[in-house]
Amino acid sequence: GTIGVEQEQGGASSSVATYEAFRREVERIAEVAAQRVVVNIRSTGGDVNDALLIYEALRATGATVTTCCYGYTASAATIVAQAASPGCRLIAPSALYLIHNSLCSAEGNAEELEAEVDMLRQTDRRLAEIYATRSGRDVAEIAALMSENGGRGRWLSPEEAVAVGLVD
């Protein structure tokens, strides 16, 4: 579902779309000392802050993490997908994958808007660094992909996502 929005998912009694809800699930994983964690992702994205926190929480489990991308895996959801262990970022043959520059809604005076622009640029750099680290590509190459189509990126087929190194 949408990352950063509390909602029922798949008939479950709790949501894992926000960091706080996800953190509770990670605590349950730690209680059973899971050696392997599989994260199924079908999401058009959402709040990048929650996605970064989920990414860090998954990486901190100590387990082998496998991410499986289905349908649309876009935006903030692709950051969660990067939390997988080496060789464990999977994608379905029918999926589409999108990375792009970060977005926000802003209101305020010139100084406030400049601060938002600075935060967007800093966020874009951090996201490009994460993708580059996992893909083995240069940060500039990943940033260029994110910036395509006026910063809206480009939907990648599974084959393209593998070729770029965003999935395994």
Foldseek 3Di string as FASTA:
>chain_A
DEAPDWDDDPNDPGDCRFQVSVLVVLVVCLVVLAQEEEAEDDYQYHDLVRLVSLLVSLLPSNHQYAYEYEAEQEESSLSNLLSGDPQRNHYDQPHKYWAFQDDDDDDDDPVRVVVVVVVSVVVLQVVLVSQCVQQVHDSVVSSVQRCPPNGRHDIDGPVRCVVSRSGD
